[in-house]
Amino acid sequence: MSHDHHDHPHDHGHDDHSTLGEMDLRVRALETVLTEKGYIDPAALDVLIDTYQTRIGPRNGARVVAKAWSDPAYADWLQRDATAAIAALGYTGRQGEHMVAVFNTPAEHHLVVCTLCSCYPWPVLGLPPTWYKSAPYRSRAVKDPQGVLADFGVRLPEGTGIRVWDSTAEVRYLVIPQRPPGTEGLTEDQLAELVTRDSMIGTGLPKPAAEAPAS
């Protein structure tokens, strides 16, 4: 398991669920006060949230994965220098300055967590899901990764190793899931539709070939 945490500031994204916890309510209250005092522009804030939550979401990461599946040269570049390879597709910015891509294989499955907070690659995955920021996930992913995967409905073949990567403010990880069988004739756009957000965190798998959209 990779651990590389240091003392560093962590950035928190907006909650993407309608059910708000105590901290989320405090954040909303603070936003209201700051808006009333003229310190922030609600319209600009809404645009920022929409950009990461709906327009980006996991779509950028899905395109990275689809290109890696269909272009061996790109996959090699992604493995050697993920930051540059991802930036070449136009996906870069805050929270994604230093990226590492980890490739799932039949022998090894990768799982990403941030044990201290919720470091997350926003430019490729959008806003982090609520469960990613929760204390139970952050602790159990390290202590019982197999149990966590089972909770998400992921059951790996017997003998598959699980490697846990601990994100930091310095390094963010993107899991490249295994390409589903039967997808050899699909375009990159079709392949991207099979890539799920959870499969790029390691808590899920891609959709099967049968769910690919028609060309």
Foldseek 3Di string as FASTA:
>chain_A
DDDDADDDDDDADQAPDPDDDPVNVVVVVVVVVCVVVPNDDVVVVVVVQCCQVPVQAQLLVLLLLLCVQVPVVLVVVCQVAVQVSSVVVVQDDQLRNGEHEDEDDLAEFEAEAALPAQRARRSNHGHDHPVRGDNVCSVCCVVPVCVLLVVLVDDHPPNHHYDYHHDYSRYHYWYNYDQAPPCVPPDSVQSSQQDDSCVRRRSDHGHHPVPGDDD
